[in-house]
Amino acid sequence: MASTTAKAKSKVPPLSDQEIQQIYVRMQNELQSLASKIGELESEAEEHTLVLGTLEEALAEDPNRKCFRLIGGVLTERTVKEVVPALKTNRDGIANVVSTLGSQYKTKEQEFDKFKGDYGIRPVSSVS
């Protein structure tokens, strides 16, 4: 069993403890950053869905009804029939980005797990 561990250790490039720690922290920060961005975009997609629900009712009643849309910090006046397709496109685009970021997160997580396995990194449990 010791020879198996030695073979596994010989395949990974030798790094100092400080380099291992820096890589570990960097990978951990990348995962946190991706998770944060995914959460932010999911929240934005949910807001789009809520607004679309309200505008769908207005679209059925009066498609030429006035509505306002914030575009790049500028409030613009449009009609409901102009805004609904744009919002649907934005929501779908956000959903695609969330999906892409989710797959990137899984890949990074697998790389992180492999790194931890290669260098024998285990979480320390605190005794209380």
N, C-alpha and C. Protein backbone atom coordinates (compact mmCIF):
# COMPACT_ATOMS: atom_id res chain seq x y z
N MET A 1 0.82 -1.18 0.00
CA MET A 1 0.00 0.00 0.00
C MET A 1 0.87 1.25 0.00
N ALA A 2 2.01 1.20 0.66
CA ALA A 2 2.91 2.34 0.69
C ALA A 2 3.47 2.63 -0.70
N SER A 3 3.69 1.58 -1.51
CA SER A 3 4.21 1.80 -2.85
C SER A 3 3.17 2.47 -3.75
N THR A 4 1.88 2.18 -3.53
CA THR A 4 0.82 2.82 -4.30
C THR A 4 0.78 4.31 -3.99
N THR A 5 0.92 4.67 -2.72
CA THR A 5 0.92 6.06 -2.32
C THR A 5 2.14 6.77 -2.90
N ALA A 6 3.27 6.11 -2.89
CA ALA A 6 4.49 6.70 -3.43
C ALA A 6 4.36 6.94 -4.93
N LYS A 7 3.73 6.00 -5.65
CA LYS A 7 3.52 6.16 -7.09
C LYS A 7 2.59 7.33 -7.37
N ALA A 8 1.52 7.43 -6.58
CA ALA A 8 0.56 8.52 -6.76
C ALA A 8 1.22 9.86 -6.48
N LYS A 9 2.05 9.91 -5.46
CA LYS A 9 2.72 11.16 -5.10
C LYS A 9 3.74 11.56 -6.17
N SER A 10 4.37 10.58 -6.81
CA SER A 10 5.39 10.90 -7.79
C SER A 10 4.81 11.49 -9.08
N LYS A 11 3.52 11.29 -9.34
CA LYS A 11 2.89 11.80 -10.56
C LYS A 11 2.57 13.29 -10.46
N VAL A 12 2.37 13.80 -9.26
CA VAL A 12 2.04 15.21 -9.11
C VAL A 12 3.33 16.01 -8.96
N PRO A 13 3.37 17.22 -9.51
CA PRO A 13 4.59 18.01 -9.39
C PRO A 13 4.85 18.38 -7.93
N PRO A 14 6.10 18.31 -7.51
CA PRO A 14 6.40 18.66 -6.12
C PRO A 14 6.24 20.17 -5.90
N LEU A 15 5.47 20.50 -4.89
CA LEU A 15 5.23 21.90 -4.55
C LEU A 15 5.53 22.09 -3.07
N SER A 16 5.95 23.30 -2.73
CA SER A 16 6.18 23.59 -1.32
C SER A 16 4.83 23.71 -0.62
N ASP A 17 4.85 23.63 0.71
CA ASP A 17 3.61 23.75 1.48
C ASP A 17 2.94 25.11 1.21
N GLN A 18 3.76 26.14 1.06
CA GLN A 18 3.20 27.47 0.82
C GLN A 18 2.53 27.53 -0.56
N GLU A 19 3.13 26.92 -1.57
CA GLU A 19 2.53 26.91 -2.91
C GLU A 19 1.22 26.13 -2.91
N ILE A 20 1.21 25.00 -2.21
CA ILE A 20 -0.01 24.19 -2.10
C ILE A 20 -1.11 25.01 -1.44
N GLN A 21 -0.76 25.73 -0.37
CA GLN A 21 -1.75 26.54 0.34
C GLN A 21 -2.27 27.66 -0.56
N GLN A 22 -1.38 28.31 -1.33
CA GLN A 22 -1.81 29.38 -2.22
C GLN A 22 -2.75 28.86 -3.30
N ILE A 23 -2.43 27.73 -3.88
CA ILE A 23 -3.29 27.14 -4.91
C ILE A 23 -4.63 26.74 -4.31
N TYR A 24 -4.60 26.16 -3.12
CA TYR A 24 -5.83 25.75 -2.43
C TYR A 24 -6.74 26.95 -2.21
N VAL A 25 -6.18 28.03 -1.69
CA VAL A 25 -6.98 29.23 -1.40
C VAL A 25 -7.51 29.83 -2.71
N ARG A 26 -6.67 29.87 -3.76
CA ARG A 26 -7.10 30.41 -5.05
C ARG A 26 -8.26 29.60 -5.61
N MET A 27 -8.14 28.27 -5.57
CA MET A 27 -9.22 27.42 -6.10
C MET A 27 -10.50 27.59 -5.29
N GLN A 28 -10.34 27.69 -3.98
CA GLN A 28 -11.50 27.88 -3.11
C GLN A 28 -12.19 29.21 -3.42
N ASN A 29 -11.40 30.26 -3.63
CA ASN A 29 -11.96 31.57 -3.96
C ASN A 29 -12.66 31.55 -5.32
N GLU A 30 -12.10 30.83 -6.29
CA GLU A 30 -12.73 30.72 -7.60
C GLU A 30 -14.11 30.05 -7.49
N LEU A 31 -14.18 28.99 -6.68
CA LEU A 31 -15.45 28.31 -6.48
C LEU A 31 -16.46 29.23 -5.81
N GLN A 32 -16.03 29.97 -4.80
CA GLN A 32 -16.94 30.89 -4.11
C GLN A 32 -17.41 31.99 -5.05
N SER A 33 -16.52 32.48 -5.88
CA SER A 33 -16.87 33.53 -6.84
C SER A 33 -17.90 33.03 -7.84
N LEU A 34 -17.69 31.83 -8.37
CA LEU A 34 -18.65 31.25 -9.32
C LEU A 34 -20.01 31.04 -8.66
N ALA A 35 -20.00 30.51 -7.44
CA ALA A 35 -21.26 30.26 -6.73
C ALA A 35 -22.00 31.57 -6.49
N SER A 36 -21.28 32.61 -6.13
CA SER A 36 -21.88 33.92 -5.90
C SER A 36 -22.50 34.47 -7.18
N LYS A 37 -21.78 34.38 -8.28
CA LYS A 37 -22.29 34.88 -9.56
C LYS A 37 -23.52 34.09 -10.01
N ILE A 38 -23.50 32.78 -9.81
CA ILE A 38 -24.65 31.94 -10.16
C ILE A 38 -25.87 32.38 -9.35
N GLY A 39 -25.70 32.58 -8.06
CA GLY A 39 -26.80 33.02 -7.20
C GLY A 39 -27.35 34.37 -7.62
N GLU A 40 -26.46 35.27 -7.96
CA GLU A 40 -26.86 36.61 -8.40
C GLU A 40 -27.68 36.54 -9.69
N LEU A 41 -27.21 35.75 -10.64
CA LEU A 41 -27.91 35.64 -11.92
C LEU A 41 -29.25 34.89 -11.78
N GLU A 42 -29.29 33.89 -10.91
CA GLU A 42 -30.55 33.18 -10.68
C GLU A 42 -31.58 34.14 -10.09
N SER A 43 -31.14 35.00 -9.19
CA SER A 43 -32.04 36.00 -8.60
C SER A 43 -32.55 36.96 -9.67
N GLU A 44 -31.66 37.38 -10.55
CA GLU A 44 -32.05 38.29 -11.63
C GLU A 44 -33.04 37.61 -12.59
N ALA A 45 -32.83 36.34 -12.89
CA ALA A 45 -33.76 35.61 -13.76
C ALA A 45 -35.13 35.50 -13.09
N GLU A 46 -35.14 35.29 -11.79
CA GLU A 46 -36.41 35.20 -11.05
C GLU A 46 -37.15 36.54 -11.10
N GLU A 47 -36.41 37.64 -10.99
CA GLU A 47 -37.03 38.96 -11.10
C GLU A 47 -37.65 39.14 -12.49
N HIS A 48 -36.92 38.73 -13.52
CA HIS A 48 -37.46 38.82 -14.88
C HIS A 48 -38.76 38.01 -15.00
N THR A 49 -38.78 36.83 -14.40
CA THR A 49 -39.96 35.99 -14.46
C THR A 49 -41.16 36.66 -13.78
N LEU A 50 -40.92 37.27 -12.62
CA LEU A 50 -41.99 37.97 -11.92
C LEU A 50 -42.54 39.13 -12.75
N VAL A 51 -41.65 39.91 -13.33
CA VAL A 51 -42.08 41.04 -14.15
C VAL A 51 -42.85 40.55 -15.37
N LEU A 52 -42.35 39.48 -15.99
CA LEU A 52 -43.05 38.93 -17.16
C LEU A 52 -44.45 38.45 -16.80
N GLY A 53 -44.59 37.86 -15.64
CA GLY A 53 -45.92 37.42 -15.20
C GLY A 53 -46.90 38.57 -15.13
N THR A 54 -46.44 39.68 -14.60
CA THR A 54 -47.29 40.87 -14.51
C THR A 54 -47.57 41.46 -15.90
N LEU A 55 -46.53 41.51 -16.73
CA LEU A 55 -46.70 42.11 -18.06
C LEU A 55 -47.54 41.23 -19.00
N GLU A 56 -47.54 39.92 -18.77
CA GLU A 56 -48.37 39.03 -19.60
C GLU A 56 -49.85 39.37 -19.42
N GLU A 57 -50.23 39.69 -18.18
CA GLU A 57 -51.61 40.09 -17.91
C GLU A 57 -51.92 41.40 -18.63
N ALA A 58 -51.01 42.35 -18.56
CA ALA A 58 -51.20 43.64 -19.23
C ALA A 58 -51.23 43.47 -20.74
N LEU A 59 -50.41 42.55 -21.25
CA LEU A 59 -50.36 42.28 -22.69
C LEU A 59 -51.70 41.74 -23.18
N ALA A 60 -52.33 40.90 -22.38
CA ALA A 60 -53.62 40.33 -22.77
C ALA A 60 -54.72 41.39 -22.77
N GLU A 61 -54.66 42.31 -21.80
CA GLU A 61 -55.69 43.35 -21.70
C GLU A 61 -55.49 44.48 -22.69
N ASP A 62 -54.28 45.04 -22.71
CA ASP A 62 -54.00 46.20 -23.57
C ASP A 62 -52.53 46.17 -23.99
N PRO A 63 -52.24 45.62 -25.18
CA PRO A 63 -50.85 45.53 -25.63
C PRO A 63 -50.17 46.89 -25.84
N ASN A 64 -50.95 47.94 -26.04
CA ASN A 64 -50.37 49.27 -26.25
C ASN A 64 -50.22 50.07 -24.96
N ARG A 65 -50.46 49.40 -23.84
CA ARG A 65 -50.33 50.07 -22.55
C ARG A 65 -48.88 50.53 -22.34
N LYS A 66 -48.76 51.69 -21.76
CA LYS A 66 -47.45 52.27 -21.49
C LYS A 66 -46.76 51.51 -20.35
N CYS A 67 -45.45 51.27 -20.51
CA CYS A 67 -44.67 50.74 -19.40
C CYS A 67 -43.28 51.35 -19.49
N PHE A 68 -42.54 51.24 -18.41
CA PHE A 68 -41.22 51.85 -18.35
C PHE A 68 -40.19 50.76 -18.13
N ARG A 69 -39.04 50.95 -18.77
CA ARG A 69 -37.98 49.94 -18.69
C ARG A 69 -36.66 50.66 -18.44
N LEU A 70 -35.89 50.12 -17.50
CA LEU A 70 -34.59 50.69 -17.18
C LEU A 70 -33.55 50.01 -18.06
N ILE A 71 -32.92 50.78 -18.93
CA ILE A 71 -31.90 50.24 -19.83
C ILE A 71 -30.61 51.01 -19.59
N GLY A 72 -29.63 50.32 -19.01
CA GLY A 72 -28.34 50.96 -18.77
C GLY A 72 -28.43 52.21 -17.92
N GLY A 73 -29.31 52.22 -16.94
CA GLY A 73 -29.44 53.36 -16.05
C GLY A 73 -30.36 54.45 -16.57
N VAL A 74 -30.95 54.24 -17.75
CA VAL A 74 -31.85 55.23 -18.33
C VAL A 74 -33.26 54.64 -18.37
N LEU A 75 -34.20 55.37 -17.80
CA LEU A 75 -35.59 54.92 -17.79
C LEU A 75 -36.24 55.30 -19.12
N THR A 76 -36.72 54.30 -19.84
CA THR A 76 -37.32 54.55 -21.16
C THR A 76 -38.79 54.17 -21.13
N GLU A 77 -39.57 54.88 -21.94
CA GLU A 77 -40.99 54.60 -22.04
C GLU A 77 -41.23 53.75 -23.28
N ARG A 78 -41.90 52.63 -23.09
CA ARG A 78 -42.21 51.71 -24.18
C ARG A 78 -43.65 51.23 -24.01
N THR A 79 -44.06 50.36 -24.93
CA THR A 79 -45.36 49.70 -24.76
C THR A 79 -45.09 48.28 -24.28
N VAL A 80 -46.11 47.69 -23.71
CA VAL A 80 -45.97 46.33 -23.17
C VAL A 80 -45.57 45.35 -24.27
N LYS A 81 -46.17 45.52 -25.47
CA LYS A 81 -45.87 44.58 -26.56
C LYS A 81 -44.42 44.69 -27.03
N GLU A 82 -43.75 45.82 -26.79
CA GLU A 82 -42.33 45.97 -27.14
C GLU A 82 -41.42 45.38 -26.07
N VAL A 83 -41.85 45.49 -24.83
CA VAL A 83 -40.99 45.10 -23.72
C VAL A 83 -41.00 43.59 -23.46
N VAL A 84 -42.15 42.95 -23.61
CA VAL A 84 -42.26 41.52 -23.27
C VAL A 84 -41.27 40.65 -24.06
N PRO A 85 -41.16 40.78 -25.38
CA PRO A 85 -40.18 39.94 -26.09
C PRO A 85 -38.74 40.19 -25.65
N ALA A 86 -38.41 41.45 -25.39
CA ALA A 86 -37.05 41.77 -24.94
C ALA A 86 -36.76 41.14 -23.58
N LEU A 87 -37.73 41.21 -22.68
CA LEU A 87 -37.55 40.60 -21.35
C LEU A 87 -37.41 39.09 -21.44
N LYS A 88 -38.19 38.46 -22.32
CA LYS A 88 -38.08 37.02 -22.50
C LYS A 88 -36.69 36.64 -23.02
N THR A 89 -36.20 37.41 -23.97
CA THR A 89 -34.86 37.17 -24.51
C THR A 89 -33.80 37.32 -23.43
N ASN A 90 -33.92 38.38 -22.62
CA ASN A 90 -32.97 38.60 -21.52
C ASN A 90 -33.01 37.45 -20.52
N ARG A 91 -34.22 37.05 -20.15
CA ARG A 91 -34.37 35.95 -19.18
C ARG A 91 -33.75 34.66 -19.70
N ASP A 92 -34.00 34.36 -20.97
CA ASP A 92 -33.44 33.15 -21.57
C ASP A 92 -31.92 33.22 -21.65
N GLY A 93 -31.40 34.40 -21.96
CA GLY A 93 -29.95 34.59 -22.00
C GLY A 93 -29.33 34.38 -20.63
N ILE A 94 -29.99 34.90 -19.61
CA ILE A 94 -29.50 34.73 -18.24
C ILE A 94 -29.52 33.26 -17.86
N ALA A 95 -30.57 32.56 -18.24
CA ALA A 95 -30.66 31.12 -17.94
C ALA A 95 -29.53 30.35 -18.62
N ASN A 96 -29.19 30.72 -19.84
CA ASN A 96 -28.07 30.07 -20.54
C ASN A 96 -26.75 30.32 -19.84
N VAL A 97 -26.54 31.56 -19.38
CA VAL A 97 -25.31 31.89 -18.67
C VAL A 97 -25.23 31.12 -17.36
N VAL A 98 -26.36 31.02 -16.65
CA VAL A 98 -26.39 30.26 -15.39
C VAL A 98 -26.02 28.80 -15.65
N SER A 99 -26.55 28.25 -16.72
CA SER A 99 -26.25 26.86 -17.08
C SER A 99 -24.75 26.69 -17.37
N THR A 100 -24.19 27.61 -18.13
CA THR A 100 -22.76 27.56 -18.45
C THR A 100 -21.91 27.69 -17.19
N LEU A 101 -22.27 28.63 -16.33
CA LEU A 101 -21.53 28.81 -15.08
C LEU A 101 -21.65 27.59 -14.18
N GLY A 102 -22.82 26.95 -14.20
CA GLY A 102 -23.01 25.73 -13.41
C GLY A 102 -22.08 24.62 -13.86
N SER A 103 -21.93 24.46 -15.17
CA SER A 103 -21.02 23.42 -15.66
C SER A 103 -19.57 23.79 -15.36
N GLN A 104 -19.23 25.08 -15.44
CA GLN A 104 -17.88 25.52 -15.06
C GLN A 104 -17.62 25.25 -13.59
N TYR A 105 -18.64 25.48 -12.76
CA TYR A 105 -18.50 25.23 -11.33
C TYR A 105 -18.20 23.75 -11.07
N LYS A 106 -18.95 22.87 -11.74
CA LYS A 106 -18.73 21.44 -11.55
C LYS A 106 -17.33 21.03 -11.97
N THR A 107 -16.85 21.58 -13.09
CA THR A 107 -15.50 21.28 -13.56
C THR A 107 -14.46 21.75 -12.55
N LYS A 108 -14.60 22.99 -12.08
CA LYS A 108 -13.67 23.54 -11.09
C LYS A 108 -13.70 22.72 -9.80
N GLU A 109 -14.90 22.28 -9.42
CA GLU A 109 -15.04 21.49 -8.20
C GLU A 109 -14.32 20.15 -8.34
N GLN A 110 -14.42 19.53 -9.53
CA GLN A 110 -13.71 18.28 -9.77
C GLN A 110 -12.20 18.49 -9.74
N GLU A 111 -11.73 19.60 -10.34
CA GLU A 111 -10.30 19.92 -10.31
C GLU A 111 -9.84 20.12 -8.87
N PHE A 112 -10.65 20.81 -8.08
CA PHE A 112 -10.33 21.08 -6.68
C PHE A 112 -10.26 19.78 -5.88
N ASP A 113 -11.23 18.90 -6.09
CA ASP A 113 -11.22 17.61 -5.41
C ASP A 113 -10.00 16.78 -5.80
N LYS A 114 -9.64 16.81 -7.07
CA LYS A 114 -8.46 16.08 -7.55
C LYS A 114 -7.20 16.65 -6.89
N PHE A 115 -7.12 17.97 -6.84
CA PHE A 115 -5.97 18.63 -6.22
C PHE A 115 -5.86 18.23 -4.75
N LYS A 116 -6.99 18.24 -4.05
CA LYS A 116 -6.98 17.85 -2.63
C LYS A 116 -6.55 16.39 -2.48
N GLY A 117 -7.02 15.53 -3.39
CA GLY A 117 -6.63 14.12 -3.33
C GLY A 117 -5.16 13.92 -3.65
N ASP A 118 -4.67 14.62 -4.66
CA ASP A 118 -3.26 14.49 -5.07
C ASP A 118 -2.30 14.90 -3.96
N TYR A 119 -2.65 15.93 -3.22
CA TYR A 119 -1.75 16.44 -2.18
C TYR A 119 -2.18 16.03 -0.78
N GLY A 120 -3.16 15.15 -0.68
CA GLY A 120 -3.57 14.61 0.62
C GLY A 120 -4.15 15.67 1.54
N ILE A 121 -4.91 16.57 1.01
CA ILE A 121 -5.53 17.63 1.81
C ILE A 121 -6.87 17.13 2.33
N ARG A 122 -7.02 17.17 3.64
CA ARG A 122 -8.27 16.76 4.28
C ARG A 122 -8.74 17.89 5.19
N PRO A 123 -10.05 18.08 5.28
CA PRO A 123 -10.54 19.12 6.20
C PRO A 123 -10.26 18.73 7.64
N VAL A 124 -9.92 19.70 8.43
CA VAL A 124 -9.65 19.48 9.84
C VAL A 124 -10.95 19.68 10.61
N SER A 125 -11.33 18.66 11.37
CA SER A 125 -12.55 18.81 12.16
C SER A 125 -12.17 19.38 13.52
N SER A 126 -12.93 20.37 13.94
CA SER A 126 -12.64 21.00 15.23
C SER A 126 -13.38 20.24 16.34
N VAL A 127 -12.68 20.06 17.43
CA VAL A 127 -13.26 19.35 18.59
C VAL A 127 -13.74 20.43 19.56
N SER A 128 -15.02 20.35 19.94
CA SER A 128 -15.54 21.37 20.85
C SER A 128 -15.85 20.81 22.19
